[in-house]
Amino acid sequence: MLSIAILSVSFNSVHAARVSNEQVISQTEQFNARTQLINTINRADVKQKLLALGVEPEHVANRINQMTTNEIAQLNQQIETLPAGGDLLGVLLVIFIVFVITDVIGATDIFPFIKSIN
């Protein structure tokens, strides 16, 4: 048994690849952008507004985890351009519109009153 285990381990090879600094920085920036957006959604005032719009914060967090890097960057940029302590409703409307669009194309199923085009 031991010799079979040793032989099977020797046949499984591991391939290492170089990882450039740009790749590490890019992955870190993507993670930070996604985390920043999720932290915004987890604020009490944002959760309250989302619930008022009929959106569960958990659905928002799941959708954020499915968003592409470009979508995350665009949403974070829109949040950063808002006045300080200002238009939270604008952010929520952007998120709401993203959810409506993803429901229409069938990527999510958050709102039962929206029928998918698929």
C-alpha atoms as a PDB file:
ATOM      1  CA  MET A   1       0.000   0.000   0.000  1.00  0.00           C
ATOM      2  CA  LEU A   2       2.810   2.349   0.892  1.00  0.00           C
ATOM      3  CA  SER A   3       4.632   1.759  -2.381  1.00  0.00           C
ATOM      4  CA  ILE A   4       1.433   2.358  -4.366  1.00  0.00           C
ATOM      5  CA  ALA A   5       0.859   5.609  -2.492  1.00  0.00           C
ATOM      6  CA  ILE A   6       4.430   6.746  -3.148  1.00  0.00           C
ATOM      7  CA  LEU A   7       4.162   5.876  -6.840  1.00  0.00           C
ATOM      8  CA  SER A   8       0.854   7.706  -7.238  1.00  0.00           C
ATOM      9  CA  VAL A   9       2.294  10.819  -5.604  1.00  0.00           C
ATOM     10  CA  SER A  10       5.299  10.794  -7.918  1.00  0.00           C
ATOM     11  CA  PHE A  11       3.078  10.780 -11.036  1.00  0.00           C
ATOM     12  CA  ASN A  12       1.175  13.853  -9.979  1.00  0.00           C
ATOM     13  CA  SER A  13       3.319  16.749 -10.994  1.00  0.00           C
ATOM     14  CA  VAL A  14       2.919  20.334  -9.984  1.00  0.00           C
ATOM     15  CA  HIS A  15       3.679  23.087 -12.413  1.00  0.00           C
ATOM     16  CA  ALA A  16       4.738  26.418 -11.054  1.00  0.00           C
ATOM     17  CA  ALA A  17       4.408  29.568 -13.088  1.00  0.00           C
ATOM     18  CA  ARG A  18       5.801  32.979 -12.620  1.00  0.00           C
ATOM     19  CA  VAL A  19       3.453  35.599 -11.333  1.00  0.00           C
ATOM     20  CA  SER A  20       4.268  39.126 -12.334  1.00  0.00           C
ATOM     21  CA  ASN A  21       4.002  42.099 -10.027  1.00  0.00           C
ATOM     22  CA  GLU A  22       1.307  43.527 -12.295  1.00  0.00           C
ATOM     23  CA  GLN A  23      -0.829  40.426 -11.828  1.00  0.00           C
ATOM     24  CA  VAL A  24      -0.489  40.562  -8.053  1.00  0.00           C
ATOM     25  CA  ILE A  25      -1.276  44.278  -7.969  1.00  0.00           C
ATOM     26  CA  SER A  26      -4.247  43.826 -10.299  1.00  0.00           C
ATOM     27  CA  GLN A  27      -5.698  41.021  -8.189  1.00  0.00           C
ATOM     28  CA  THR A  28      -5.197  43.050  -5.025  1.00  0.00           C
ATOM     29  CA  GLU A  29      -6.886  46.096  -6.548  1.00  0.00           C
ATOM     30  CA  GLN A  30      -9.810  43.975  -7.736  1.00  0.00           C
ATOM     31  CA  PHE A  31     -10.216  42.463  -4.274  1.00  0.00           C
ATOM     32  CA  ASN A  32     -10.028  45.894  -2.612  1.00  0.00           C
ATOM     33  CA  ALA A  33     -12.581  47.390  -5.014  1.00  0.00           C
ATOM     34  CA  ARG A  34     -15.009  44.530  -4.416  1.00  0.00           C
ATOM     35  CA  THR A  35     -14.483  44.765  -0.644  1.00  0.00           C
ATOM     36  CA  GLN A  36     -15.037  48.527  -0.708  1.00  0.00           C
ATOM     37  CA  LEU A  37     -18.333  48.059  -2.543  1.00  0.00           C
ATOM     38  CA  ILE A  38     -19.510  45.336  -0.171  1.00  0.00           C
ATOM     39  CA  ASN A  39     -18.591  47.525   2.816  1.00  0.00           C
ATOM     40  CA  THR A  40     -20.719  50.309   1.342  1.00  0.00           C
ATOM     41  CA  ILE A  41     -23.644  47.932   0.964  1.00  0.00           C
ATOM     42  CA  ASN A  42     -23.213  46.726   4.554  1.00  0.00           C
ATOM     43  CA  ARG A  43     -23.700  50.218   6.007  1.00  0.00           C
ATOM     44  CA  ALA A  44     -26.897  50.469   8.041  1.00  0.00           C
ATOM     45  CA  ASP A  45     -28.337  53.385   6.037  1.00  0.00           C
ATOM     46  CA  VAL A  46     -27.696  51.606   2.742  1.00  0.00           C
ATOM     47  CA  LYS A  47     -29.285  48.390   4.010  1.00  0.00           C
ATOM     48  CA  GLN A  48     -32.335  50.346   5.119  1.00  0.00           C
ATOM     49  CA  LYS A  49     -32.721  51.984   1.693  1.00  0.00           C
ATOM     50  CA  LEU A  50     -32.240  48.673  -0.108  1.00  0.00           C
ATOM     51  CA  LEU A  51     -34.927  47.053   2.016  1.00  0.00           C
ATOM     52  CA  ALA A  52     -37.213  50.009   1.284  1.00  0.00           C
ATOM     53  CA  LEU A  53     -36.664  49.334  -2.443  1.00  0.00           C
ATOM     54  CA  GLY A  54     -37.494  45.653  -1.882  1.00  0.00           C
ATOM     55  CA  VAL A  55     -33.955  44.354  -2.331  1.00  0.00           C
ATOM     56  CA  GLU A  56     -32.355  42.020   0.179  1.00  0.00           C
ATOM     57  CA  PRO A  57     -28.779  43.079   1.063  1.00  0.00           C
ATOM     58  CA  GLU A  58     -27.682  39.442   0.761  1.00  0.00           C
ATOM     59  CA  HIS A  59     -28.806  39.441  -2.892  1.00  0.00           C
ATOM     60  CA  VAL A  60     -26.765  42.590  -3.470  1.00  0.00           C
ATOM     61  CA  ALA A  61     -23.654  41.015  -1.944  1.00  0.00           C
ATOM     62  CA  ASN A  62     -24.110  37.889  -4.073  1.00  0.00           C
ATOM     63  CA  ARG A  63     -24.515  39.984  -7.216  1.00  0.00           C
ATOM     64  CA  ILE A  64     -21.431  42.049  -6.357  1.00  0.00           C
ATOM     65  CA  ASN A  65     -19.445  38.828  -6.078  1.00  0.00           C
ATOM     66  CA  GLN A  66     -20.617  37.918  -9.600  1.00  0.00           C
ATOM     67  CA  MET A  67     -19.835  41.314 -11.157  1.00  0.00           C
ATOM     68  CA  THR A  68     -16.928  41.744 -13.517  1.00  0.00           C
ATOM     69  CA  THR A  69     -13.939  43.875 -12.663  1.00  0.00           C
ATOM     70  CA  ASN A  70     -15.144  46.614 -15.006  1.00  0.00           C
ATOM     71  CA  GLU A  71     -18.607  46.682 -13.444  1.00  0.00           C
ATOM     72  CA  ILE A  72     -17.100  46.947  -9.963  1.00  0.00           C
ATOM     73  CA  ALA A  73     -14.765  49.748 -11.056  1.00  0.00           C
ATOM     74  CA  GLN A  74     -17.601  51.651 -12.728  1.00  0.00           C
ATOM     75  CA  LEU A  75     -19.864  51.372  -9.698  1.00  0.00           C
ATOM     76  CA  ASN A  76     -17.078  52.421  -7.310  1.00  0.00           C
ATOM     77  CA  GLN A  77     -16.279  55.384  -9.560  1.00  0.00           C
ATOM     78  CA  GLN A  78     -19.909  56.487  -9.481  1.00  0.00           C
ATOM     79  CA  ILE A  79     -19.928  56.211  -5.691  1.00  0.00           C
ATOM     80  CA  GLU A  80     -16.721  58.262  -5.424  1.00  0.00           C
ATOM     81  CA  THR A  81     -18.126  61.065  -7.589  1.00  0.00           C
ATOM     82  CA  LEU A  82     -21.104  61.531  -5.289  1.00  0.00           C
ATOM     83  CA  PRO A  83     -20.930  64.407  -2.834  1.00  0.00           C
ATOM     84  CA  ALA A  84     -19.498  63.464   0.559  1.00  0.00           C
ATOM     85  CA  GLY A  85     -22.314  62.159   2.729  1.00  0.00           C
ATOM     86  CA  GLY A  86     -24.587  63.022  -0.135  1.00  0.00           C
ATOM     87  CA  ASP A  87     -26.686  61.219  -2.628  1.00  0.00           C
ATOM     88  CA  LEU A  88     -26.974  57.724  -1.258  1.00  0.00           C
ATOM     89  CA  LEU A  89     -30.183  57.350  -3.189  1.00  0.00           C
ATOM     90  CA  GLY A  90     -28.193  57.703  -6.421  1.00  0.00           C
ATOM     91  CA  VAL A  91     -26.001  54.756  -5.487  1.00  0.00           C
ATOM     92  CA  LEU A  92     -29.001  52.682  -4.555  1.00  0.00           C
ATOM     93  CA  LEU A  93     -30.743  53.513  -7.804  1.00  0.00           C
ATOM     94  CA  VAL A  94     -27.678  52.451  -9.773  1.00  0.00           C
ATOM     95  CA  ILE A  95     -27.590  49.163  -7.875  1.00  0.00           C
ATOM     96  CA  PHE A  96     -31.337  48.735  -8.344  1.00  0.00           C
ATOM     97  CA  ILE A  97     -31.017  49.320 -12.101  1.00  0.00           C
ATOM     98  CA  VAL A  98     -28.172  46.794 -12.317  1.00  0.00           C
ATOM     99  CA  PHE A  99     -30.397  44.226 -10.604  1.00  0.00           C
ATOM    100  CA  VAL A 100     -33.340  44.974 -12.868  1.00  0.00           C
ATOM    101  CA  ILE A 101     -31.156  44.564 -15.956  1.00  0.00           C
ATOM    102  CA  THR A 102     -29.651  41.308 -14.682  1.00  0.00           C
ATOM    103  CA  ASP A 103     -33.154  40.024 -13.883  1.00  0.00           C
ATOM    104  CA  VAL A 104     -34.364  40.896 -17.381  1.00  0.00           C
ATOM    105  CA  ILE A 105     -31.480  39.073 -19.055  1.00  0.00           C
ATOM    106  CA  GLY A 106     -31.919  36.096 -16.721  1.00  0.00           C
ATOM    107  CA  ALA A 107     -28.597  36.352 -14.865  1.00  0.00           C
ATOM    108  CA  THR A 108     -30.372  36.733 -11.505  1.00  0.00           C
ATOM    109  CA  ASP A 109     -33.861  36.195 -10.130  1.00  0.00           C
ATOM    110  CA  ILE A 110     -34.245  38.778  -7.408  1.00  0.00           C
ATOM    111  CA  PHE A 111     -37.540  40.435  -8.320  1.00  0.00           C
ATOM    112  CA  PRO A 112     -40.444  38.035  -8.879  1.00  0.00           C
ATOM    113  CA  PHE A 113     -42.402  40.668 -10.844  1.00  0.00           C
ATOM    114  CA  ILE A 114     -39.720  40.898 -13.584  1.00  0.00           C
ATOM    115  CA  LYS A 115     -39.940  38.319 -16.345  1.00  0.00           C
ATOM    116  CA  SER A 116     -36.707  37.153 -17.977  1.00  0.00           C
ATOM    117  CA  ILE A 117     -36.368  37.503 -21.746  1.00  0.00           C
ATOM    118  CA  ASN A 118     -35.015  33.932 -21.919  1.00  0.00           C
END
